Amino acid sequence: MLPVINTAGSLAGRVVLVTGVSREIGIGAAIAREVAGRGADVFLASWPAADAEQPWGACPRFADELVQQLRAGGVRAGHLAVDLADPAAPAELFEAARAELGHIDAVVANHARSSDQDLEHVTVQELDTCFAVNTRASLLLAKQFAARHDDTRPGGRIVLFTSGQHLGPMPAELPYVVSKGAIQQMTASLAAHLAPRGITVNCVNPGPTDTGWADPELTARVLDRLPLGRWGRPQDAARLVAWLLSDEAQWIVGQTINSEGGFTRG
């Protein structure tokens, strides 16, 4: 018989900053709930204006509603709506989080700007914006965390998010691909720099995840390449992230973890 693994309380006493929490069905919301369920307090960052540009629309009040739900369950929680395209935003976010919850023990840079532009349609503006939001903001969040982290506290963690561009081509999403690829590439360097301080840095590629963005045709086409017979769920990524934040993952350093359910490319 396999042993029963009890994860309740595995993040007790920790405070986790999670970006990209603006939609009920999103990975960010699942991460916030998962880490809170394991005992962590959470500070959320959202930017509903970015979702308003997408076909699914924005949920401008969701993050505040989630904060209220978490507080009702005894979790200390806070939220700031902030545009991570602004280079000053990471510092602003950390100031707000520390004012609300004190020391931050972990950062989950889950936010992302998606972009559908191939080589013939790519624009300078979109390249710059994707780089600013996806790459620069993730790096500046790591910088802010490192500058403020108390090395005497256990559990210093940074979890970054990439996509599958390092495993196969994504020619229709060049600004997204370039900016997400940079995140995957910088993970090992950040990890090497911060590991002597007891801070681990890792990167997650969650694979095809059903967060409401794919149309029926794409959903069916991708499903044919998923041997488990389903798309990824936000909870799949959330459980992996929560484990990476825990003491059980303290020996995992500088890795990009492809959690894709056996997704095959071709």
C-alpha atoms as a PDB file:
ATOM      1  CA  MET A   1       0.000   0.000   0.000  1.00  0.00           C
ATOM      2  CA  LEU A   2       1.329   3.448  -0.898  1.00  0.00           C
ATOM      3  CA  PRO A   3       1.830   5.848   2.007  1.00  0.00           C
ATOM      4  CA  VAL A   4      -0.650   8.666   2.445  1.00  0.00           C
ATOM      5  CA  ILE A   5       1.034  12.035   1.958  1.00  0.00           C
ATOM      6  CA  ASN A   6      -0.471  14.769   4.111  1.00  0.00           C
ATOM      7  CA  THR A   7       0.223  18.191   2.584  1.00  0.00           C
ATOM      8  CA  ALA A   8      -1.967  20.138   5.000  1.00  0.00           C
ATOM      9  CA  GLY A   9       0.152  22.702   6.781  1.00  0.00           C
ATOM     10  CA  SER A  10       3.217  22.140   4.584  1.00  0.00           C
ATOM     11  CA  LEU A  11       3.409  25.906   3.981  1.00  0.00           C
ATOM     12  CA  ALA A  12       2.291  27.022   7.431  1.00  0.00           C
ATOM     13  CA  GLY A  13       3.845  30.320   8.476  1.00  0.00           C
ATOM     14  CA  ARG A  14       4.918  31.227   4.943  1.00  0.00           C
ATOM     15  CA  VAL A  15       3.744  34.224   2.933  1.00  0.00           C
ATOM     16  CA  VAL A  16       3.475  33.771  -0.832  1.00  0.00           C
ATOM     17  CA  LEU A  17       3.159  36.486  -3.467  1.00  0.00           C
ATOM     18  CA  VAL A  18       1.285  35.237  -6.549  1.00  0.00           C
ATOM     19  CA  THR A  19       0.965  37.285  -9.737  1.00  0.00           C
ATOM     20  CA  GLY A  20      -1.538  36.807 -12.526  1.00  0.00           C
ATOM     21  CA  VAL A  21      -4.581  36.256 -10.318  1.00  0.00           C
ATOM     22  CA  SER A  22      -7.470  37.872 -12.137  1.00  0.00           C
ATOM     23  CA  ARG A  23      -9.787  35.100 -13.353  1.00  0.00           C
ATOM     24  CA  GLU A  24     -11.688  32.365 -11.534  1.00  0.00           C
ATOM     25  CA  ILE A  25     -10.594  29.718 -14.033  1.00  0.00           C
ATOM     26  CA  GLY A  26      -6.951  30.795 -14.207  1.00  0.00           C
ATOM     27  CA  ILE A  27      -3.815  29.093 -12.940  1.00  0.00           C
ATOM     28  CA  GLY A  28      -3.087  32.006 -10.593  1.00  0.00           C
ATOM     29  CA  ALA A  29      -6.349  31.564  -8.712  1.00  0.00           C
ATOM     30  CA  ALA A  30      -5.724  27.836  -8.383  1.00  0.00           C
ATOM     31  CA  ILE A  31      -2.218  28.499  -7.014  1.00  0.00           C
ATOM     32  CA  ALA A  32      -3.530  31.000  -4.474  1.00  0.00           C
ATOM     33  CA  ARG A  33      -6.142  28.547  -3.218  1.00  0.00           C
ATOM     34  CA  GLU A  34      -3.707  25.615  -3.159  1.00  0.00           C
ATOM     35  CA  VAL A  35      -0.997  27.364  -1.147  1.00  0.00           C
ATOM     36  CA  ALA A  36      -3.585  28.853   1.202  1.00  0.00           C
ATOM     37  CA  GLY A  37      -4.970  25.354   1.730  1.00  0.00           C
ATOM     38  CA  ARG A  38      -1.485  24.255   2.786  1.00  0.00           C
ATOM     39  CA  GLY A  39      -1.239  26.964   5.426  1.00  0.00           C
ATOM     40  CA  ALA A  40       0.305  29.920   3.602  1.00  0.00           C
ATOM     41  CA  ASP A  41      -0.882  33.514   3.665  1.00  0.00           C
ATOM     42  CA  VAL A  42      -1.081  35.083   0.221  1.00  0.00           C
ATOM     43  CA  PHE A  43      -0.786  38.390  -1.558  1.00  0.00           C
ATOM     44  CA  LEU A  44      -2.312  38.560  -5.032  1.00  0.00           C
ATOM     45  CA  ALA A  45      -1.432  40.696  -8.031  1.00  0.00           C
ATOM     46  CA  SER A  46      -3.845  41.192 -10.906  1.00  0.00           C
ATOM     47  CA  TRP A  47      -4.274  43.386 -13.955  1.00  0.00           C
ATOM     48  CA  PRO A  48      -7.868  43.003 -15.263  1.00  0.00           C
ATOM     49  CA  ALA A  49      -7.241  45.472 -18.094  1.00  0.00           C
ATOM     50  CA  ALA A  50      -5.094  42.840 -19.813  1.00  0.00           C
ATOM     51  CA  ASP A  51      -7.917  40.316 -19.710  1.00  0.00           C
ATOM     52  CA  ALA A  52     -10.288  42.922 -21.120  1.00  0.00           C
ATOM     53  CA  GLU A  53      -8.263  42.769 -24.359  1.00  0.00           C
ATOM     54  CA  GLN A  54      -8.873  39.017 -24.685  1.00  0.00           C
ATOM     55  CA  PRO A  55     -11.957  37.222 -26.085  1.00  0.00           C
ATOM     56  CA  TRP A  56     -12.969  35.941 -22.663  1.00  0.00           C
ATOM     57  CA  GLY A  57     -13.141  39.415 -21.114  1.00  0.00           C
ATOM     58  CA  ALA A  58     -12.102  40.646 -17.696  1.00  0.00           C
ATOM     59  CA  CYS A  59     -13.264  39.795 -14.186  1.00  0.00           C
ATOM     60  CA  PRO A  60     -12.348  43.123 -12.587  1.00  0.00           C
ATOM     61  CA  ARG A  61     -13.572  42.255  -9.079  1.00  0.00           C
ATOM     62  CA  PHE A  62     -12.422  38.637  -8.919  1.00  0.00           C
ATOM     63  CA  ALA A  63      -9.139  39.118  -7.041  1.00  0.00           C
ATOM     64  CA  ASP A  64     -10.823  41.179  -4.322  1.00  0.00           C
ATOM     65  CA  GLU A  65     -13.558  38.561  -4.061  1.00  0.00           C
ATOM     66  CA  LEU A  66     -10.956  35.814  -3.727  1.00  0.00           C
ATOM     67  CA  VAL A  67      -9.211  37.781  -0.975  1.00  0.00           C
ATOM     68  CA  GLN A  68     -12.492  37.962   0.931  1.00  0.00           C
ATOM     69  CA  GLN A  69     -13.039  34.219   0.488  1.00  0.00           C
ATOM     70  CA  LEU A  70      -9.569  33.443   1.778  1.00  0.00           C
ATOM     71  CA  ARG A  71      -9.928  35.767   4.740  1.00  0.00           C
ATOM     72  CA  ALA A  72     -13.233  34.126   5.603  1.00  0.00           C
ATOM     73  CA  GLY A  73     -11.304  30.858   5.821  1.00  0.00           C
ATOM     74  CA  GLY A  74      -8.777  32.311   8.253  1.00  0.00           C
ATOM     75  CA  VAL A  75      -6.061  33.151   5.714  1.00  0.00           C
ATOM     76  CA  ARG A  76      -4.296  36.491   5.792  1.00  0.00           C
ATOM     77  CA  ALA A  77      -4.604  37.825   2.258  1.00  0.00           C
ATOM     78  CA  GLY A  78      -4.186  41.012   0.278  1.00  0.00           C
ATOM     79  CA  HIS A  79      -4.349  42.244  -3.298  1.00  0.00           C
ATOM     80  CA  LEU A  80      -3.022  44.940  -5.586  1.00  0.00           C
ATOM     81  CA  ALA A  81      -4.063  45.613  -9.180  1.00  0.00           C
ATOM     82  CA  VAL A  82      -0.829  46.573 -10.917  1.00  0.00           C
ATOM     83  CA  ASP A  83       0.399  46.819 -14.512  1.00  0.00           C
ATOM     84  CA  LEU A  84       3.618  44.816 -14.701  1.00  0.00           C
ATOM     85  CA  ALA A  85       4.483  46.542 -17.982  1.00  0.00           C
ATOM     86  CA  ASP A  86       5.513  49.453 -15.735  1.00  0.00           C
ATOM     87  CA  PRO A  87       9.127  48.971 -14.599  1.00  0.00           C
ATOM     88  CA  ALA A  88       8.234  50.468 -11.222  1.00  0.00           C
ATOM     89  CA  ALA A  89       5.441  47.937 -10.644  1.00  0.00           C
ATOM     90  CA  PRO A  90       7.471  45.103  -9.030  1.00  0.00           C
ATOM     91  CA  ALA A  91       8.784  47.409  -6.300  1.00  0.00           C
ATOM     92  CA  GLU A  92       5.303  48.850  -5.780  1.00  0.00           C
ATOM     93  CA  LEU A  93       3.887  45.352  -5.486  1.00  0.00           C
ATOM     94  CA  PHE A  94       6.437  44.293  -2.877  1.00  0.00           C
ATOM     95  CA  GLU A  95       5.859  47.433  -0.831  1.00  0.00           C
ATOM     96  CA  ALA A  96       2.113  46.746  -0.787  1.00  0.00           C
ATOM     97  CA  ALA A  97       2.604  43.073   0.078  1.00  0.00           C
ATOM     98  CA  ARG A  98       5.022  43.803   2.911  1.00  0.00           C
ATOM     99  CA  ALA A  99       2.758  46.531   4.305  1.00  0.00           C
ATOM    100  CA  GLU A 100      -0.154  44.096   4.338  1.00  0.00           C
ATOM    101  CA  LEU A 101       1.512  40.840   5.389  1.00  0.00           C
ATOM    102  CA  GLY A 102       5.084  41.533   6.458  1.00  0.00           C
ATOM    103  CA  HIS A 103       7.929  39.397   5.143  1.00  0.00           C
ATOM    104  CA  ILE A 104       7.442  37.617   1.792  1.00  0.00           C
ATOM    105  CA  ASP A 105       8.827  34.065   1.732  1.00  0.00           C
ATOM    106  CA  ALA A 106       8.091  33.082  -1.860  1.00  0.00           C
ATOM    107  CA  VAL A 107       7.213  34.585  -5.224  1.00  0.00           C
ATOM    108  CA  VAL A 108       5.223  32.835  -7.932  1.00  0.00           C
ATOM    109  CA  ALA A 109       5.548  34.857 -11.157  1.00  0.00           C
ATOM    110  CA  ASN A 110       2.521  33.367 -12.892  1.00  0.00           C
ATOM    111  CA  HIS A 111       1.499  36.457 -14.876  1.00  0.00           C
ATOM    112  CA  ALA A 112       1.738  36.451 -18.668  1.00  0.00           C
ATOM    113  CA  ARG A 113       0.897  38.497 -21.720  1.00  0.00           C
ATOM    114  CA  SER A 114      -0.207  36.304 -24.617  1.00  0.00           C
ATOM    115  CA  SER A 115       0.278  37.366 -28.208  1.00  0.00           C
ATOM    116  CA  ASP A 116      -0.751  35.911 -31.572  1.00  0.00           C
ATOM    117  CA  GLN A 117       1.694  37.411 -34.055  1.00  0.00           C
ATOM    118  CA  ASP A 118       3.710  35.475 -36.624  1.00  0.00           C
ATOM    119  CA  LEU A 119       6.778  36.770 -38.439  1.00  0.00           C
ATOM    120  CA  GLU A 120       4.781  38.661 -41.064  1.00  0.00           C
ATOM    121  CA  HIS A 121       2.632  40.437 -38.481  1.00  0.00           C
ATOM    122  CA  VAL A 122       4.968  40.931 -35.529  1.00  0.00           C
ATOM    123  CA  THR A 123       5.241  44.519 -34.312  1.00  0.00           C
ATOM    124  CA  VAL A 124       7.841  46.366 -32.298  1.00  0.00           C
ATOM    125  CA  GLN A 125       5.205  47.463 -29.833  1.00  0.00           C
ATOM    126  CA  GLU A 126       4.062  43.914 -29.123  1.00  0.00           C
ATOM    127  CA  LEU A 127       7.611  42.625 -28.817  1.00  0.00           C
ATOM    128  CA  ASP A 128       8.422  45.349 -26.307  1.00  0.00           C
ATOM    129  CA  THR A 129       5.231  44.854 -24.319  1.00  0.00           C
ATOM    130  CA  CYS A 130       5.621  41.070 -24.081  1.00  0.00           C
ATOM    131  CA  PHE A 131       9.231  41.479 -23.011  1.00  0.00           C
ATOM    132  CA  ALA A 132       8.276  44.068 -20.396  1.00  0.00           C
ATOM    133  CA  VAL A 133       5.449  42.033 -18.877  1.00  0.00           C
ATOM    134  CA  ASN A 134       6.732  38.497 -19.223  1.00  0.00           C
ATOM    135  CA  THR A 135      10.517  38.756 -18.983  1.00  0.00           C
ATOM    136  CA  ARG A 136      11.474  42.049 -17.380  1.00  0.00           C
ATOM    137  CA  ALA A 137       8.795  41.965 -14.704  1.00  0.00           C
ATOM    138  CA  SER A 138       9.675  38.387 -13.727  1.00  0.00           C
ATOM    139  CA  LEU A 139      13.345  39.327 -13.397  1.00  0.00           C
ATOM    140  CA  LEU A 140      12.565  42.486 -11.421  1.00  0.00           C
ATOM    141  CA  LEU A 141      10.261  40.525  -9.110  1.00  0.00           C
ATOM    142  CA  ALA A 142      13.164  38.173  -8.419  1.00  0.00           C
ATOM    143  CA  LYS A 143      15.406  41.181  -7.781  1.00  0.00           C
ATOM    144  CA  GLN A 144      12.941  42.729  -5.335  1.00  0.00           C
ATOM    145  CA  PHE A 145      12.505  39.444  -3.527  1.00  0.00           C
ATOM    146  CA  ALA A 146      16.256  38.866  -3.213  1.00  0.00           C
ATOM    147  CA  ALA A 147      16.857  42.384  -1.943  1.00  0.00           C
ATOM    148  CA  ARG A 148      14.261  42.059   0.814  1.00  0.00           C
ATOM    149  CA  HIS A 149      14.506  38.396   1.823  1.00  0.00           C
ATOM    150  CA  ASP A 150      15.699  37.582   5.331  1.00  0.00           C
ATOM    151  CA  ASP A 151      18.083  34.667   4.839  1.00  0.00           C
ATOM    152  CA  THR A 152      17.494  33.441   8.396  1.00  0.00           C
ATOM    153  CA  ARG A 153      13.948  32.450   7.426  1.00  0.00           C
ATOM    154  CA  PRO A 154      13.413  29.018   5.823  1.00  0.00           C
ATOM    155  CA  GLY A 155      11.704  28.426   2.520  1.00  0.00           C
ATOM    156  CA  GLY A 156      12.959  31.194   0.238  1.00  0.00           C
ATOM    157  CA  ARG A 157      11.430  30.304  -3.112  1.00  0.00           C
ATOM    158  CA  ILE A 158      10.974  31.783  -6.589  1.00  0.00           C
ATOM    159  CA  VAL A 159       8.844  29.953  -9.144  1.00  0.00           C
ATOM    160  CA  LEU A 160       8.799  31.315 -12.684  1.00  0.00           C
ATOM    161  CA  PHE A 161       6.509  30.319 -15.555  1.00  0.00           C
ATOM    162  CA  THR A 162       7.480  29.551 -19.119  1.00  0.00           C
ATOM    163  CA  SER A 163       5.696  27.793 -21.989  1.00  0.00           C
ATOM    164  CA  GLY A 164       6.672  24.934 -24.300  1.00  0.00           C
ATOM    165  CA  GLN A 165       8.725  26.968 -26.758  1.00  0.00           C
ATOM    166  CA  HIS A 166      11.933  25.187 -25.690  1.00  0.00           C
ATOM    167  CA  LEU A 167      10.395  21.834 -26.637  1.00  0.00           C
ATOM    168  CA  GLY A 168       8.898  22.663 -30.006  1.00  0.00           C
ATOM    169  CA  PRO A 169       8.083  25.536 -32.382  1.00  0.00           C
ATOM    170  CA  MET A 170       5.258  28.011 -31.774  1.00  0.00           C
ATOM    171  CA  PRO A 171       5.596  30.178 -34.911  1.00  0.00           C
ATOM    172  CA  ALA A 172       2.251  31.965 -34.554  1.00  0.00           C
ATOM    173  CA  GLU A 173       3.116  33.495 -31.154  1.00  0.00           C
ATOM    174  CA  LEU A 174       6.535  35.057 -31.632  1.00  0.00           C
ATOM    175  CA  PRO A 175       6.430  37.893 -29.046  1.00  0.00           C
ATOM    176  CA  TYR A 176       5.115  35.459 -26.450  1.00  0.00           C
ATOM    177  CA  VAL A 177       7.612  32.757 -27.441  1.00  0.00           C
ATOM    178  CA  VAL A 178      10.639  35.062 -27.298  1.00  0.00           C
ATOM    179  CA  SER A 179       9.704  36.557 -23.928  1.00  0.00           C
ATOM    180  CA  LYS A 180       8.764  33.221 -22.344  1.00  0.00           C
ATOM    181  CA  GLY A 181      11.891  31.581 -23.734  1.00  0.00           C
ATOM    182  CA  ALA A 182      13.996  34.171 -21.968  1.00  0.00           C
ATOM    183  CA  ILE A 183      12.373  33.241 -18.659  1.00  0.00           C
ATOM    184  CA  GLN A 184      13.265  29.595 -19.142  1.00  0.00           C
ATOM    185  CA  GLN A 185      16.843  30.535 -20.030  1.00  0.00           C
ATOM    186  CA  MET A 186      17.398  32.850 -17.075  1.00  0.00           C
ATOM    187  CA  THR A 187      16.187  30.325 -14.489  1.00  0.00           C
ATOM    188  CA  ALA A 188      19.489  28.482 -14.064  1.00  0.00           C
ATOM    189  CA  SER A 189      21.482  31.706 -13.746  1.00  0.00           C
ATOM    190  CA  LEU A 190      19.170  33.153 -11.101  1.00  0.00           C
ATOM    191  CA  ALA A 191      19.233  29.836  -9.259  1.00  0.00           C
ATOM    192  CA  ALA A 192      23.024  29.702  -9.199  1.00  0.00           C
ATOM    193  CA  HIS A 193      23.192  33.249  -7.864  1.00  0.00           C
ATOM    194  CA  LEU A 194      20.632  32.776  -5.092  1.00  0.00           C
ATOM    195  CA  ALA A 195      21.194  29.172  -4.000  1.00  0.00           C
ATOM    196  CA  PRO A 196      24.020  30.103  -1.582  1.00  0.00           C
ATOM    197  CA  ARG A 197      21.443  32.158   0.316  1.00  0.00           C
ATOM    198  CA  GLY A 198      19.051  29.208   0.581  1.00  0.00           C
ATOM    199  CA  ILE A 199      16.696  30.641  -2.060  1.00  0.00           C
ATOM    200  CA  THR A 200      15.681  28.190  -4.761  1.00  0.00           C
ATOM    201  CA  VAL A 201      14.620  29.268  -8.238  1.00  0.00           C
ATOM    202  CA  ASN A 202      12.725  26.960 -10.578  1.00  0.00           C
ATOM    203  CA  CYS A 203      10.544  27.287 -13.650  1.00  0.00           C
ATOM    204  CA  VAL A 204       7.282  25.554 -14.593  1.00  0.00           C
ATOM    205  CA  ASN A 205       5.967  24.795 -18.053  1.00  0.00           C
ATOM    206  CA  PRO A 206       2.345  23.806 -17.325  1.00  0.00           C
ATOM    207  CA  GLY A 207       1.596  22.525 -20.831  1.00  0.00           C
ATOM    208  CA  PRO A 208      -1.802  22.925 -22.497  1.00  0.00           C
ATOM    209  CA  THR A 209      -4.080  24.094 -19.691  1.00  0.00           C
ATOM    210  CA  ASP A 210      -7.790  24.704 -19.978  1.00  0.00           C
ATOM    211  CA  THR A 211      -8.324  28.233 -18.716  1.00  0.00           C
ATOM    212  CA  GLY A 212     -10.980  29.133 -21.267  1.00  0.00           C
ATOM    213  CA  TRP A 213      -8.693  30.562 -23.946  1.00  0.00           C
ATOM    214  CA  ALA A 214      -8.808  27.849 -26.625  1.00  0.00           C
ATOM    215  CA  ASP A 215     -11.557  27.662 -29.256  1.00  0.00           C
ATOM    216  CA  PRO A 216     -13.302  24.304 -29.925  1.00  0.00           C
ATOM    217  CA  GLU A 217     -11.131  23.496 -32.953  1.00  0.00           C
ATOM    218  CA  LEU A 218      -7.867  24.022 -31.088  1.00  0.00           C
ATOM    219  CA  THR A 219      -9.211  22.202 -28.045  1.00  0.00           C
ATOM    220  CA  ALA A 220      -9.951  19.110 -30.125  1.00  0.00           C
ATOM    221  CA  ARG A 221      -6.655  19.242 -32.022  1.00  0.00           C
ATOM    222  CA  VAL A 222      -4.576  19.478 -28.849  1.00  0.00           C
ATOM    223  CA  LEU A 223      -6.645  16.797 -27.130  1.00  0.00           C
ATOM    224  CA  ASP A 224      -5.516  14.315 -29.781  1.00  0.00           C
ATOM    225  CA  ARG A 225      -1.943  14.855 -28.542  1.00  0.00           C
ATOM    226  CA  LEU A 226      -2.716  14.386 -24.852  1.00  0.00           C
ATOM    227  CA  PRO A 227      -2.490  10.665 -24.000  1.00  0.00           C
ATOM    228  CA  LEU A 228      -4.288  11.104 -20.681  1.00  0.00           C
ATOM    229  CA  GLY A 229      -7.382  12.122 -22.644  1.00  0.00           C
ATOM    230  CA  ARG A 230      -7.797  15.580 -21.163  1.00  0.00           C
ATOM    231  CA  TRP A 231      -6.295  19.050 -21.136  1.00  0.00           C
ATOM    232  CA  GLY A 232      -4.374  20.187 -18.106  1.00  0.00           C
ATOM    233  CA  ARG A 233      -6.349  21.768 -15.308  1.00  0.00           C
ATOM    234  CA  PRO A 234      -5.229  24.813 -13.318  1.00  0.00           C
ATOM    235  CA  GLN A 235      -5.061  22.588 -10.246  1.00  0.00           C
ATOM    236  CA  ASP A 236      -2.386  20.445 -11.932  1.00  0.00           C
ATOM    237  CA  ALA A 237      -0.010  23.404 -12.110  1.00  0.00           C
ATOM    238  CA  ALA A 238      -1.059  24.625  -8.668  1.00  0.00           C
ATOM    239  CA  ARG A 239      -0.143  21.357  -6.955  1.00  0.00           C
ATOM    240  CA  LEU A 240       3.293  21.358  -8.612  1.00  0.00           C
ATOM    241  CA  VAL A 241       3.947  24.952  -7.586  1.00  0.00           C
ATOM    242  CA  ALA A 242       2.863  24.301  -4.003  1.00  0.00           C
ATOM    243  CA  TRP A 243       5.268  21.376  -3.816  1.00  0.00           C
ATOM    244  CA  LEU A 244       8.129  23.488  -5.194  1.00  0.00           C
ATOM    245  CA  LEU A 245       7.427  26.016  -2.445  1.00  0.00           C
ATOM    246  CA  SER A 246       7.587  23.364   0.259  1.00  0.00           C
ATOM    247  CA  ASP A 247      10.556  22.020   2.220  1.00  0.00           C
ATOM    248  CA  GLU A 248      10.208  18.730   0.325  1.00  0.00           C
ATOM    249  CA  ALA A 249      11.520  20.493  -2.801  1.00  0.00           C
ATOM    250  CA  GLN A 250      14.547  22.151  -1.222  1.00  0.00           C
ATOM    251  CA  TRP A 251      16.929  20.045  -3.377  1.00  0.00           C
ATOM    252  CA  ILE A 252      15.265  21.132  -6.656  1.00  0.00           C
ATOM    253  CA  VAL A 253      17.303  24.064  -7.976  1.00  0.00           C
ATOM    254  CA  GLY A 254      17.454  25.764 -11.372  1.00  0.00           C
ATOM    255  CA  GLN A 255      15.108  23.354 -13.112  1.00  0.00           C
ATOM    256  CA  THR A 256      12.484  23.825 -15.796  1.00  0.00           C
ATOM    257  CA  ILE A 257       9.778  21.279 -15.056  1.00  0.00           C
ATOM    258  CA  ASN A 258       7.642  20.292 -18.025  1.00  0.00           C
ATOM    259  CA  SER A 259       4.334  19.262 -16.499  1.00  0.00           C
ATOM    260  CA  GLU A 260       2.451  18.520 -19.697  1.00  0.00           C
ATOM    261  CA  GLY A 261       0.545  15.273 -19.182  1.00  0.00           C
ATOM    262  CA  GLY A 262       2.535  13.506 -21.887  1.00  0.00           C
ATOM    263  CA  PHE A 263       1.739  16.146 -24.539  1.00  0.00           C
ATOM    264  CA  THR A 264       3.256  15.170 -27.869  1.00  0.00           C
ATOM    265  CA  ARG A 265       4.315  17.638 -30.544  1.00  0.00           C
ATOM    266  CA  GLY A 266       4.328  17.096 -34.254  1.00  0.00           C
END
